[in-house]
């Protein structure tokens, strides 16, 4: 995600809701992954 777009989503690094806000209306394969997130760890890093 572009950094400023992610910042505008207003979420912390361990908040899976940011993914729902960004991708929740995408096609069913993406939504299947989002629905399965639960408390699984999310690796979050700035790309360099």
ModelCIF file with pLDDT and N, C-alpha, C, O atoms, coordinates in Angstrom:
data_MODEL
#
_entry.id   MODEL 
#
_entity.id                         1 
_entity.type                       polymer 
_entity.pdbx_number_of_molecules   1 
#
_entity_poly.entity_id                      1 
_entity_poly.type                           'polypeptide(L)' 
_entity_poly.nstd_linkage                   no 
_entity_poly.nstd_monomer                   no 
_entity_poly.pdbx_seq_one_letter_code       
;(UNK)(UNK)(UNK)(UNK)(UNK)(UNK)(UNK)(UNK)(UNK)(UNK)(UNK)(UNK)(UNK)(UNK)(UNK)(UNK)
(UNK)(UNK)(UNK)(UNK)(UNK)(UNK)(UNK)(UNK)(UNK)(UNK)(UNK)(UNK)(UNK)(UNK)(UNK)(UNK)
(UNK)(UNK)(UNK)(UNK)(UNK)(UNK)(UNK)(UNK)(UNK)(UNK)(UNK)(UNK)(UNK)(UNK)(UNK)(UNK)
;
_entity_poly.pdbx_seq_one_letter_code_can   XXXXXXXXXXXXXXXXXXXXXXXXXXXXXXXXXXXXXXXXXXXXXXXX 
_entity_poly.pdbx_strand_id                 A 
#
loop_
_entity_poly_seq.entity_id 
_entity_poly_seq.num 
_entity_poly_seq.mon_id 
_entity_poly_seq.hetero 
1 1  UNK n 
1 2  UNK n 
1 3  UNK n 
1 4  UNK n 
1 5  UNK n 
1 6  UNK n 
1 7  UNK n 
1 8  UNK n 
1 9  UNK n 
1 10 UNK n 
1 11 UNK n 
1 12 UNK n 
1 13 UNK n 
1 14 UNK n 
1 15 UNK n 
1 16 UNK n 
1 17 UNK n 
1 18 UNK n 
1 19 UNK n 
1 20 UNK n 
1 21 UNK n 
1 22 UNK n 
1 23 UNK n 
1 24 UNK n 
1 25 UNK n 
1 26 UNK n 
1 27 UNK n 
1 28 UNK n 
1 29 UNK n 
1 30 UNK n 
1 31 UNK n 
1 32 UNK n 
1 33 UNK n 
1 34 UNK n 
1 35 UNK n 
1 36 UNK n 
1 37 UNK n 
1 38 UNK n 
1 39 UNK n 
1 40 UNK n 
1 41 UNK n 
1 42 UNK n 
1 43 UNK n 
1 44 UNK n 
1 45 UNK n 
1 46 UNK n 
1 47 UNK n 
1 48 UNK n 
#
_struct_asym.id          A 
_struct_asym.entity_id   1 
#
loop_
_ma_qa_metric.id 
_ma_qa_metric.mode 
_ma_qa_metric.name 
_ma_qa_metric.software_group_id 
_ma_qa_metric.type 
1 global pLDDT . pLDDT 
2 local  pLDDT . pLDDT 
#
_ma_qa_metric_global.metric_id      1 
_ma_qa_metric_global.metric_value   87.02 
_ma_qa_metric_global.model_id       1 
_ma_qa_metric_global.ordinal_id     1 
#
loop_
_ma_qa_metric_local.label_asym_id 
_ma_qa_metric_local.label_comp_id 
_ma_qa_metric_local.label_seq_id 
_ma_qa_metric_local.metric_id 
_ma_qa_metric_local.metric_value 
_ma_qa_metric_local.model_id 
_ma_qa_metric_local.ordinal_id 
A UNK 1  2 95.00 1 1  
A UNK 2  2 94.00 1 2  
A UNK 3  2 92.00 1 3  
A UNK 4  2 89.00 1 4  
A UNK 5  2 88.00 1 5  
A UNK 6  2 81.00 1 6  
A UNK 7  2 78.00 1 7  
A UNK 8  2 76.00 1 8  
A UNK 9  2 70.00 1 9  
A UNK 10 2 65.00 1 10 
A UNK 11 2 58.00 1 11 
A UNK 12 2 59.00 1 12 
A UNK 13 2 58.00 1 13 
A UNK 14 2 61.00 1 14 
A UNK 15 2 71.00 1 15 
A UNK 16 2 77.00 1 16 
A UNK 17 2 84.00 1 17 
A UNK 18 2 87.00 1 18 
A UNK 19 2 91.00 1 19 
A UNK 20 2 91.00 1 20 
A UNK 21 2 90.00 1 21 
A UNK 22 2 93.00 1 22 
A UNK 23 2 95.00 1 23 
A UNK 24 2 94.00 1 24 
A UNK 25 2 95.00 1 25 
A UNK 26 2 97.00 1 26 
A UNK 27 2 97.00 1 27 
A UNK 28 2 95.00 1 28 
A UNK 29 2 96.00 1 29 
A UNK 30 2 97.00 1 30 
A UNK 31 2 96.00 1 31 
A UNK 32 2 96.00 1 32 
A UNK 33 2 96.00 1 33 
A UNK 34 2 95.00 1 34 
A UNK 35 2 95.00 1 35 
A UNK 36 2 94.00 1 36 
A UNK 37 2 92.00 1 37 
A UNK 38 2 88.00 1 38 
A UNK 39 2 85.00 1 39 
A UNK 40 2 86.00 1 40 
A UNK 41 2 88.00 1 41 
A UNK 42 2 90.00 1 42 
A UNK 43 2 91.00 1 43 
A UNK 44 2 90.00 1 44 
A UNK 45 2 91.00 1 45 
A UNK 46 2 95.00 1 46 
A UNK 47 2 97.00 1 47 
A UNK 48 2 98.00 1 48 
#
loop_
_atom_site.group_PDB 
_atom_site.id 
_atom_site.type_symbol 
_atom_site.label_atom_id 
_atom_site.label_alt_id 
_atom_site.label_comp_id 
_atom_site.label_asym_id 
_atom_site.label_entity_id 
_atom_site.label_seq_id 
_atom_site.pdbx_PDB_ins_code 
_atom_site.Cartn_x 
_atom_site.Cartn_y 
_atom_site.Cartn_z 
_atom_site.occupancy 
_atom_site.B_iso_or_equiv 
_atom_site.pdbx_formal_charge 
_atom_site.auth_seq_id 
_atom_site.auth_comp_id 
_atom_site.auth_asym_id 
_atom_site.auth_atom_id 
_atom_site.pdbx_PDB_model_num 
ATOM 1   N N  . UNK A 1 1  ? 0.861   -1.190  0.000  1.00 95.00 ? 1  UNK A N  1 
ATOM 2   C CA . UNK A 1 1  ? 0.000   0.000   0.000  1.00 95.00 ? 1  UNK A CA 1 
ATOM 3   C C  . UNK A 1 1  ? 0.894   1.236   0.000  1.00 95.00 ? 1  UNK A C  1 
ATOM 4   O O  . UNK A 1 1  ? 1.924   1.265   0.674  1.00 95.00 ? 1  UNK A O  1 
ATOM 5   N N  . UNK A 1 2  ? 0.497   2.256   -0.758 1.00 94.00 ? 2  UNK A N  1 
ATOM 6   C CA . UNK A 1 2  ? 1.206   3.529   -0.669 1.00 94.00 ? 2  UNK A CA 1 
ATOM 7   C C  . UNK A 1 2  ? 1.144   4.025   0.774  1.00 94.00 ? 2  UNK A C  1 
ATOM 8   O O  . UNK A 1 2  ? 0.107   3.919   1.429  1.00 94.00 ? 2  UNK A O  1 
ATOM 9   N N  . UNK A 1 3  ? 2.246   4.559   1.260  1.00 92.00 ? 3  UNK A N  1 
ATOM 10  C CA . UNK A 1 3  ? 2.369   4.889   2.684  1.00 92.00 ? 3  UNK A CA 1 
ATOM 11  C C  . UNK A 1 3  ? 1.313   5.880   3.143  1.00 92.00 ? 3  UNK A C  1 
ATOM 12  O O  . UNK A 1 3  ? 0.754   5.722   4.228  1.00 92.00 ? 3  UNK A O  1 
ATOM 13  N N  . UNK A 1 4  ? 1.031   6.894   2.343  1.00 89.00 ? 4  UNK A N  1 
ATOM 14  C CA . UNK A 1 4  ? 0.060   7.898   2.772  1.00 89.00 ? 4  UNK A CA 1 
ATOM 15  C C  . UNK A 1 4  ? -1.356  7.344   2.779  1.00 89.00 ? 4  UNK A C  1 
ATOM 16  O O  . UNK A 1 4  ? -2.181  7.751   3.596  1.00 89.00 ? 4  UNK A O  1 
ATOM 17  N N  . UNK A 1 5  ? -1.641  6.408   1.862  1.00 88.00 ? 5  UNK A N  1 
ATOM 18  C CA . UNK A 1 5  ? -2.963  5.768   1.850  1.00 88.00 ? 5  UNK A CA 1 
ATOM 19  C C  . UNK A 1 5  ? -3.145  4.936   3.116  1.00 88.00 ? 5  UNK A C  1 
ATOM 20  O O  . UNK A 1 5  ? -4.211  4.956   3.731  1.00 88.00 ? 5  UNK A O  1 
ATOM 21  N N  . UNK A 1 6  ? -2.110  4.213   3.499  1.00 81.00 ? 6  UNK A N  1 
ATOM 22  C CA . UNK A 1 6  ? -2.194  3.410   4.710  1.00 81.00 ? 6  UNK A CA 1 
ATOM 23  C C  . UNK A 1 6  ? -2.349  4.300   5.937  1.00 81.00 ? 6  UNK A C  1 
ATOM 24  O O  . UNK A 1 6  ? -3.119  3.982   6.843  1.00 81.00 ? 6  UNK A O  1 
ATOM 25  N N  . UNK A 1 7  ? -1.626  5.403   5.968  1.00 78.00 ? 7  UNK A N  1 
ATOM 26  C CA . UNK A 1 7  ? -1.738  6.318   7.106  1.00 78.00 ? 7  UNK A CA 1 
ATOM 27  C C  . UNK A 1 7  ? -3.148  6.879   7.221  1.00 78.00 ? 7  UNK A C  1 
ATOM 28  O O  . UNK A 1 7  ? -3.662  7.058   8.325  1.00 78.00 ? 7  UNK A O  1 
ATOM 29  N N  . UNK A 1 8  ? -3.769  7.155   6.087  1.00 76.00 ? 8  UNK A N  1 
ATOM 30  C CA . UNK A 1 8  ? -5.123  7.720   6.125  1.00 76.00 ? 8  UNK A CA 1 
ATOM 31  C C  . UNK A 1 8  ? -6.153  6.703   6.584  1.00 76.00 ? 8  UNK A C  1 
ATOM 32  O O  . UNK A 1 8  ? -7.260  7.062   6.985  1.00 76.00 ? 8  UNK A O  1 
ATOM 33  N N  . UNK A 1 9  ? -5.770  5.393   6.521  1.00 70.00 ? 9  UNK A N  1 
ATOM 34  C CA . UNK A 1 9  ? -6.678  4.354   7.013  1.00 70.00 ? 9  UNK A CA 1 
ATOM 35  C C  . UNK A 1 9  ? -6.736  4.338   8.527  1.00 70.00 ? 9  UNK A C  1 
ATOM 36  O O  . UNK A 1 9  ? -7.654  3.757   9.107  1.00 70.00 ? 9  UNK A O  1 
ATOM 37  N N  . UNK A 1 10 ? -5.757  4.977   9.182  1.00 65.00 ? 10 UNK A N  1 
ATOM 38  C CA . UNK A 1 10 ? -5.792  5.187   10.626 1.00 65.00 ? 10 UNK A CA 1 
ATOM 39  C C  . UNK A 1 10 ? -5.778  3.941   11.458 1.00 65.00 ? 10 UNK A C  1 
ATOM 40  O O  . UNK A 1 10 ? -6.642  3.767   12.317 1.00 65.00 ? 10 UNK A O  1 
ATOM 41  N N  . UNK A 1 11 ? -4.799  3.041   11.226 1.00 58.00 ? 11 UNK A N  1 
ATOM 42  C CA . UNK A 1 11 ? -4.751  1.791   11.973 1.00 58.00 ? 11 UNK A CA 1 
ATOM 43  C C  . UNK A 1 11 ? -3.374  1.551   12.539 1.00 58.00 ? 11 UNK A C  1 
ATOM 44  O O  . UNK A 1 11 ? -2.374  2.025   12.001 1.00 58.00 ? 11 UNK A O  1 
ATOM 45  N N  . UNK A 1 12 ? -3.330  0.807   13.635 1.00 59.00 ? 12 UNK A N  1 
ATOM 46  C CA . UNK A 1 12 ? -2.067  0.394   14.204 1.00 59.00 ? 12 UNK A CA 1 
ATOM 47  C C  . UNK A 1 12 ? -1.506  -0.807  13.480 1.00 59.00 ? 12 UNK A C  1 
ATOM 48  O O  . UNK A 1 12 ? -2.190  -1.434  12.672 1.00 59.00 ? 12 UNK A O  1 
ATOM 49  N N  . UNK A 1 13 ? -0.241  -1.129  13.775 1.00 58.00 ? 13 UNK A N  1 
ATOM 50  C CA . UNK A 1 13 ? 0.449   -2.206  13.065 1.00 58.00 ? 13 UNK A CA 1 
ATOM 51  C C  . UNK A 1 13 ? -0.192  -3.571  13.279 1.00 58.00 ? 13 UNK A C  1 
ATOM 52  O O  . UNK A 1 13 ? -0.043  -4.454  12.434 1.00 58.00 ? 13 UNK A O  1 
ATOM 53  N N  . UNK A 1 14 ? -0.895  -3.763  14.380 1.00 61.00 ? 14 UNK A N  1 
ATOM 54  C CA . UNK A 1 14 ? -1.458  -5.084  14.664 1.00 61.00 ? 14 UNK A CA 1 
ATOM 55  C C  . UNK A 1 14 ? -2.972  -5.115  14.504 1.00 61.00 ? 14 UNK A C  1 
ATOM 56  O O  . UNK A 1 14 ? -3.645  -5.981  15.063 1.00 61.00 ? 14 UNK A O  1 
ATOM 57  N N  . UNK A 1 15 ? -3.501  -4.174  13.744 1.00 71.00 ? 15 UNK A N  1 
ATOM 58  C CA . UNK A 1 15 ? -4.952  -4.056  13.583 1.00 71.00 ? 15 UNK A CA 1 
ATOM 59  C C  . UNK A 1 15 ? -5.381  -4.650  12.245 1.00 71.00 ? 15 UNK A C  1 
ATOM 60  O O  . UNK A 1 15 ? -5.167  -4.019  11.210 1.00 71.00 ? 15 UNK A O  1 
ATOM 61  N N  . UNK A 1 16 ? -5.980  -5.844  12.229 1.00 77.00 ? 16 UNK A N  1 
ATOM 62  C CA . UNK A 1 16 ? -6.397  -6.430  10.953 1.00 77.00 ? 16 UNK A CA 1 
ATOM 63  C C  . UNK A 1 16 ? -7.517  -5.659  10.274 1.00 77.00 ? 16 UNK A C  1 
ATOM 64  O O  . UNK A 1 16 ? -7.790  -5.874  9.093  1.00 77.00 ? 16 UNK A O  1 
ATOM 65  N N  . UNK A 1 17 ? -8.168  -4.766  11.005 1.00 84.00 ? 17 UNK A N  1 
ATOM 66  C CA . UNK A 1 17 ? -9.258  -4.007  10.400 1.00 84.00 ? 17 UNK A CA 1 
ATOM 67  C C  . UNK A 1 17 ? -8.766  -3.086  9.292  1.00 84.00 ? 17 UNK A C  1 
ATOM 68  O O  . UNK A 1 17 ? -9.539  -2.710  8.411  1.00 84.00 ? 17 UNK A O  1 
ATOM 69  N N  . UNK A 1 18 ? -7.477  -2.717  9.327  1.00 87.00 ? 18 UNK A N  1 
ATOM 70  C CA . UNK A 1 18 ? -6.961  -1.878  8.246  1.00 87.00 ? 18 UNK A CA 1 
ATOM 71  C C  . UNK A 1 18 ? -7.081  -2.610  6.917  1.00 87.00 ? 18 UNK A C  1 
ATOM 72  O O  . UNK A 1 18 ? -7.354  -1.987  5.891  1.00 87.00 ? 18 UNK A O  1 
ATOM 73  N N  . UNK A 1 19 ? -6.881  -3.920  6.923  1.00 91.00 ? 19 UNK A N  1 
ATOM 74  C CA . UNK A 1 19 ? -7.001  -4.686  5.689  1.00 91.00 ? 19 UNK A CA 1 
ATOM 75  C C  . UNK A 1 19 ? -8.443  -4.729  5.200  1.00 91.00 ? 19 UNK A C  1 
ATOM 76  O O  . UNK A 1 19 ? -8.702  -4.691  3.998  1.00 91.00 ? 19 UNK A O  1 
ATOM 77  N N  . UNK A 1 20 ? -9.375  -4.807  6.139  1.00 91.00 ? 20 UNK A N  1 
ATOM 78  C CA . UNK A 1 20 ? -10.789 -4.795  5.738  1.00 91.00 ? 20 UNK A CA 1 
ATOM 79  C C  . UNK A 1 20 ? -11.177 -3.442  5.145  1.00 91.00 ? 20 UNK A C  1 
ATOM 80  O O  . UNK A 1 20 ? -11.950 -3.375  4.189  1.00 91.00 ? 20 UNK A O  1 
ATOM 81  N N  . UNK A 1 21 ? -10.638 -2.370  5.714  1.00 90.00 ? 21 UNK A N  1 
ATOM 82  C CA . UNK A 1 21 ? -10.956 -1.050  5.184  1.00 90.00 ? 21 UNK A CA 1 
ATOM 83  C C  . UNK A 1 21 ? -10.374 -0.850  3.780  1.00 90.00 ? 21 UNK A C  1 
ATOM 84  O O  . UNK A 1 21 ? -10.980 -0.190  2.937  1.00 90.00 ? 21 UNK A O  1 
ATOM 85  N N  . UNK A 1 22 ? -9.206  -1.420  3.545  1.00 93.00 ? 22 UNK A N  1 
ATOM 86  C CA . UNK A 1 22 ? -8.534  -1.224  2.262  1.00 93.00 ? 22 UNK A CA 1 
ATOM 87  C C  . UNK A 1 22 ? -8.995  -2.201  1.187  1.00 93.00 ? 22 UNK A C  1 
ATOM 88  O O  . UNK A 1 22 ? -9.021  -1.859  0.005  1.00 93.00 ? 22 UNK A O  1 
ATOM 89  N N  . UNK A 1 23 ? -9.363  -3.426  1.596  1.00 95.00 ? 23 UNK A N  1 
ATOM 90  C CA . UNK A 1 23 ? -9.602  -4.486  0.623  1.00 95.00 ? 23 UNK A CA 1 
ATOM 91  C C  . UNK A 1 23 ? -10.946 -5.193  0.794  1.00 95.00 ? 23 UNK A C  1 
ATOM 92  O O  . UNK A 1 23 ? -11.224 -6.160  0.085  1.00 95.00 ? 23 UNK A O  1 
ATOM 93  N N  . UNK A 1 24 ? -11.786 -4.728  1.724  1.00 94.00 ? 24 UNK A N  1 
ATOM 94  C CA . UNK A 1 24 ? -13.012 -5.449  2.062  1.00 94.00 ? 24 UNK A CA 1 
ATOM 95  C C  . UNK A 1 24 ? -14.023 -5.547  0.949  1.00 94.00 ? 24 UNK A C  1 
ATOM 96  O O  . UNK A 1 24 ? -14.896 -6.412  1.005  1.00 94.00 ? 24 UNK A O  1 
ATOM 97  N N  . UNK A 1 25 ? -13.948 -4.693  -0.071 1.00 95.00 ? 25 UNK A N  1 
ATOM 98  C CA . UNK A 1 25 ? -14.901 -4.762  -1.181 1.00 95.00 ? 25 UNK A CA 1 
ATOM 99  C C  . UNK A 1 25 ? -14.277 -5.363  -2.435 1.00 95.00 ? 25 UNK A C  1 
ATOM 100 O O  . UNK A 1 25 ? -14.834 -5.236  -3.525 1.00 95.00 ? 25 UNK A O  1 
ATOM 101 N N  . UNK A 1 26 ? -13.119 -6.021  -2.290 1.00 97.00 ? 26 UNK A N  1 
ATOM 102 C CA . UNK A 1 26 ? -12.481 -6.667  -3.430 1.00 97.00 ? 26 UNK A CA 1 
ATOM 103 C C  . UNK A 1 26 ? -13.098 -8.049  -3.654 1.00 97.00 ? 26 UNK A C  1 
ATOM 104 O O  . UNK A 1 26 ? -14.017 -8.443  -2.935 1.00 97.00 ? 26 UNK A O  1 
ATOM 105 N N  . UNK A 1 27 ? -12.601 -8.771  -4.633 1.00 97.00 ? 27 UNK A N  1 
ATOM 106 C CA . UNK A 1 27 ? -13.236 -10.002 -5.100 1.00 97.00 ? 27 UNK A CA 1 
ATOM 107 C C  . UNK A 1 27 ? -13.216 -11.107 -4.019 1.00 97.00 ? 27 UNK A C  1 
ATOM 108 O O  . UNK A 1 27 ? -12.507 -10.973 -3.022 1.00 97.00 ? 27 UNK A O  1 
ATOM 109 N N  . UNK A 1 28 ? -13.977 -12.182 -4.206 1.00 95.00 ? 28 UNK A N  1 
ATOM 110 C CA . UNK A 1 28 ? -14.162 -13.180 -3.149 1.00 95.00 ? 28 UNK A CA 1 
ATOM 111 C C  . UNK A 1 28 ? -12.881 -13.859 -2.667 1.00 95.00 ? 28 UNK A C  1 
ATOM 112 O O  . UNK A 1 28 ? -12.805 -14.219 -1.492 1.00 95.00 ? 28 UNK A O  1 
ATOM 113 N N  . UNK A 1 29 ? -11.879 -14.049 -3.515 1.00 96.00 ? 29 UNK A N  1 
ATOM 114 C CA . UNK A 1 29 ? -10.649 -14.691 -3.056 1.00 96.00 ? 29 UNK A CA 1 
ATOM 115 C C  . UNK A 1 29 ? -9.952  -13.842 -2.002 1.00 96.00 ? 29 UNK A C  1 
ATOM 116 O O  . UNK A 1 29 ? -9.415  -14.374 -1.031 1.00 96.00 ? 29 UNK A O  1 
ATOM 117 N N  . UNK A 1 30 ? -9.958  -12.525 -2.188 1.00 97.00 ? 30 UNK A N  1 
ATOM 118 C CA . UNK A 1 30 ? -9.378  -11.627 -1.186 1.00 97.00 ? 30 UNK A CA 1 
ATOM 119 C C  . UNK A 1 30 ? -10.220 -11.649 0.082  1.00 97.00 ? 30 UNK A C  1 
ATOM 120 O O  . UNK A 1 30 ? -9.674  -11.707 1.185  1.00 97.00 ? 30 UNK A O  1 
ATOM 121 N N  . UNK A 1 31 ? -11.531 -11.605 -0.059 1.00 96.00 ? 31 UNK A N  1 
ATOM 122 C CA . UNK A 1 31 ? -12.390 -11.588 1.116  1.00 96.00 ? 31 UNK A CA 1 
ATOM 123 C C  . UNK A 1 31 ? -12.275 -12.890 1.916  1.00 96.00 ? 31 UNK A C  1 
ATOM 124 O O  . UNK A 1 31 ? -12.402 -12.879 3.140  1.00 96.00 ? 31 UNK A O  1 
ATOM 125 N N  . UNK A 1 32 ? -12.036 -13.996 1.234  1.00 96.00 ? 32 UNK A N  1 
ATOM 126 C CA . UNK A 1 32 ? -11.842 -15.265 1.952  1.00 96.00 ? 32 UNK A CA 1 
ATOM 127 C C  . UNK A 1 32 ? -10.641 -15.185 2.885  1.00 96.00 ? 32 UNK A C  1 
ATOM 128 O O  . UNK A 1 32 ? -10.698 -15.673 4.014  1.00 96.00 ? 32 UNK A O  1 
ATOM 129 N N  . UNK A 1 33 ? -9.554  -14.572 2.418  1.00 96.00 ? 33 UNK A N  1 
ATOM 130 C CA . UNK A 1 33 ? -8.374  -14.396 3.268  1.00 96.00 ? 33 UNK A CA 1 
ATOM 131 C C  . UNK A 1 33 ? -8.681  -13.453 4.424  1.00 96.00 ? 33 UNK A C  1 
ATOM 132 O O  . UNK A 1 33 ? -8.306  -13.730 5.563  1.00 96.00 ? 33 UNK A O  1 
ATOM 133 N N  . UNK A 1 34 ? -9.352  -12.355 4.148  1.00 95.00 ? 34 UNK A N  1 
ATOM 134 C CA . UNK A 1 34 ? -9.674  -11.401 5.208  1.00 95.00 ? 34 UNK A CA 1 
ATOM 135 C C  . UNK A 1 34 ? -10.545 -12.046 6.279  1.00 95.00 ? 34 UNK A C  1 
ATOM 136 O O  . UNK A 1 34 ? -10.354 -11.797 7.469  1.00 95.00 ? 34 UNK A O  1 
ATOM 137 N N  . UNK A 1 35 ? -11.494 -12.867 5.864  1.00 95.00 ? 35 UNK A N  1 
ATOM 138 C CA . UNK A 1 35 ? -12.380 -13.528 6.824  1.00 95.00 ? 35 UNK A CA 1 
ATOM 139 C C  . UNK A 1 35 ? -11.628 -14.538 7.685  1.00 95.00 ? 35 UNK A C  1 
ATOM 140 O O  . UNK A 1 35 ? -12.055 -14.844 8.799  1.00 95.00 ? 35 UNK A O  1 
ATOM 141 N N  . UNK A 1 36 ? -10.515 -15.054 7.179  1.00 94.00 ? 36 UNK A N  1 
ATOM 142 C CA . UNK A 1 36 ? -9.752  -16.063 7.923  1.00 94.00 ? 36 UNK A CA 1 
ATOM 143 C C  . UNK A 1 36 ? -8.653  -15.471 8.793  1.00 94.00 ? 36 UNK A C  1 
ATOM 144 O O  . UNK A 1 36 ? -7.955  -16.213 9.484  1.00 94.00 ? 36 UNK A O  1 
ATOM 145 N N  . UNK A 1 37 ? -8.483  -14.148 8.775  1.00 92.00 ? 37 UNK A N  1 
ATOM 146 C CA . UNK A 1 37 ? -7.358  -13.536 9.492  1.00 92.00 ? 37 UNK A CA 1 
ATOM 147 C C  . UNK A 1 37 ? -7.370  -13.852 10.979 1.00 92.00 ? 37 UNK A C  1 
ATOM 148 O O  . UNK A 1 37 ? -6.357  -14.276 11.536 1.00 92.00 ? 37 UNK A O  1 
ATOM 149 N N  . UNK A 1 38 ? -8.520  -13.646 11.626 1.00 88.00 ? 38 UNK A N  1 
ATOM 150 C CA . UNK A 1 38 ? -8.591  -13.867 13.067 1.00 88.00 ? 38 UNK A CA 1 
ATOM 151 C C  . UNK A 1 38 ? -7.482  -13.124 13.792 1.00 88.00 ? 38 UNK A C  1 
ATOM 152 O O  . UNK A 1 38 ? -7.299  -11.923 13.595 1.00 88.00 ? 38 UNK A O  1 
ATOM 153 N N  . UNK A 1 39 ? -6.735  -13.848 14.641 1.00 85.00 ? 39 UNK A N  1 
ATOM 154 C CA . UNK A 1 39 ? -5.616  -13.257 15.366 1.00 85.00 ? 39 UNK A CA 1 
ATOM 155 C C  . UNK A 1 39 ? -4.267  -13.688 14.802 1.00 85.00 ? 39 UNK A C  1 
ATOM 156 O O  . UNK A 1 39 ? -3.254  -13.633 15.500 1.00 85.00 ? 39 UNK A O  1 
ATOM 157 N N  . UNK A 1 40 ? -4.251  -14.118 13.537 1.00 86.00 ? 40 UNK A N  1 
ATOM 158 C CA . UNK A 1 40 ? -2.976  -14.522 12.952 1.00 86.00 ? 40 UNK A CA 1 
ATOM 159 C C  . UNK A 1 40 ? -2.025  -13.324 12.881 1.00 86.00 ? 40 UNK A C  1 
ATOM 160 O O  . UNK A 1 40 ? -2.469  -12.200 12.644 1.00 86.00 ? 40 UNK A O  1 
ATOM 161 N N  . UNK A 1 41 ? -0.722  -13.551 13.085 1.00 88.00 ? 41 UNK A N  1 
ATOM 162 C CA . UNK A 1 41 ? 0.232   -12.426 13.072 1.00 88.00 ? 41 UNK A CA 1 
ATOM 163 C C  . UNK A 1 41 ? 0.300   -11.745 11.706 1.00 88.00 ? 41 UNK A C  1 
ATOM 164 O O  . UNK A 1 41 ? 0.178   -12.384 10.661 1.00 88.00 ? 41 UNK A O  1 
ATOM 165 N N  . UNK A 1 42 ? 0.496   -10.439 11.752 1.00 90.00 ? 42 UNK A N  1 
ATOM 166 C CA . UNK A 1 42 ? 0.674   -9.647  10.537 1.00 90.00 ? 42 UNK A CA 1 
ATOM 167 C C  . UNK A 1 42 ? 2.065   -9.022  10.583 1.00 90.00 ? 42 UNK A C  1 
ATOM 168 O O  . UNK A 1 42 ? 2.392   -8.278  11.507 1.00 90.00 ? 42 UNK A O  1 
ATOM 169 N N  . UNK A 1 43 ? 2.876   -9.330  9.581  1.00 91.00 ? 43 UNK A N  1 
ATOM 170 C CA . UNK A 1 43 ? 4.192   -8.706  9.440  1.00 91.00 ? 43 UNK A CA 1 
ATOM 171 C C  . UNK A 1 43 ? 4.016   -7.394  8.691  1.00 91.00 ? 43 UNK A C  1 
ATOM 172 O O  . UNK A 1 43 ? 3.459   -7.378  7.594  1.00 91.00 ? 43 UNK A O  1 
ATOM 173 N N  . UNK A 1 44 ? 4.475   -6.319  9.256  1.00 90.00 ? 44 UNK A N  1 
ATOM 174 C CA . UNK A 1 44 ? 4.229   -4.965  8.740  1.00 90.00 ? 44 UNK A CA 1 
ATOM 175 C C  . UNK A 1 44 ? 5.575   -4.266  8.651  1.00 90.00 ? 44 UNK A C  1 
ATOM 176 O O  . UNK A 1 44 ? 6.266   -4.125  9.660  1.00 90.00 ? 44 UNK A O  1 
ATOM 177 N N  . UNK A 1 45 ? 5.956   -3.829  7.462  1.00 91.00 ? 45 UNK A N  1 
ATOM 178 C CA . UNK A 1 45 ? 7.245   -3.145  7.349  1.00 91.00 ? 45 UNK A CA 1 
ATOM 179 C C  . UNK A 1 45 ? 7.244   -2.155  6.192  1.00 91.00 ? 45 UNK A C  1 
ATOM 180 O O  . UNK A 1 45 ? 6.600   -2.366  5.164  1.00 91.00 ? 45 UNK A O  1 
ATOM 181 N N  . UNK A 1 46 ? 7.990   -1.064  6.391  1.00 95.00 ? 46 UNK A N  1 
ATOM 182 C CA . UNK A 1 46 ? 8.216   -0.091  5.333  1.00 95.00 ? 46 UNK A CA 1 
ATOM 183 C C  . UNK A 1 46 ? 9.149   -0.699  4.296  1.00 95.00 ? 46 UNK A C  1 
ATOM 184 O O  . UNK A 1 46 ? 10.181  -1.272  4.646  1.00 95.00 ? 46 UNK A O  1 
ATOM 185 N N  . UNK A 1 47 ? 8.792   -0.577  3.029  1.00 97.00 ? 47 UNK A N  1 
ATOM 186 C CA . UNK A 1 47 ? 9.610   -1.168  1.972  1.00 97.00 ? 47 UNK A CA 1 
ATOM 187 C C  . UNK A 1 47 ? 10.751  -0.230  1.570  1.00 97.00 ? 47 UNK A C  1 
ATOM 188 O O  . UNK A 1 47 ? 10.574  0.980   1.431  1.00 97.00 ? 47 UNK A O  1 
ATOM 189 N N  . UNK A 1 48 ? 11.912  -0.830  1.390  1.00 98.00 ? 48 UNK A N  1 
ATOM 190 C CA . UNK A 1 48 ? 13.140  -0.107  1.087  1.00 98.00 ? 48 UNK A CA 1 
ATOM 191 C C  . UNK A 1 48 ? 13.875  -0.825  -0.033 1.00 98.00 ? 48 UNK A C  1 
ATOM 192 O O  . UNK A 1 48 ? 14.946  -0.383  -0.451 1.00 98.00 ? 48 UNK A O  1 
#
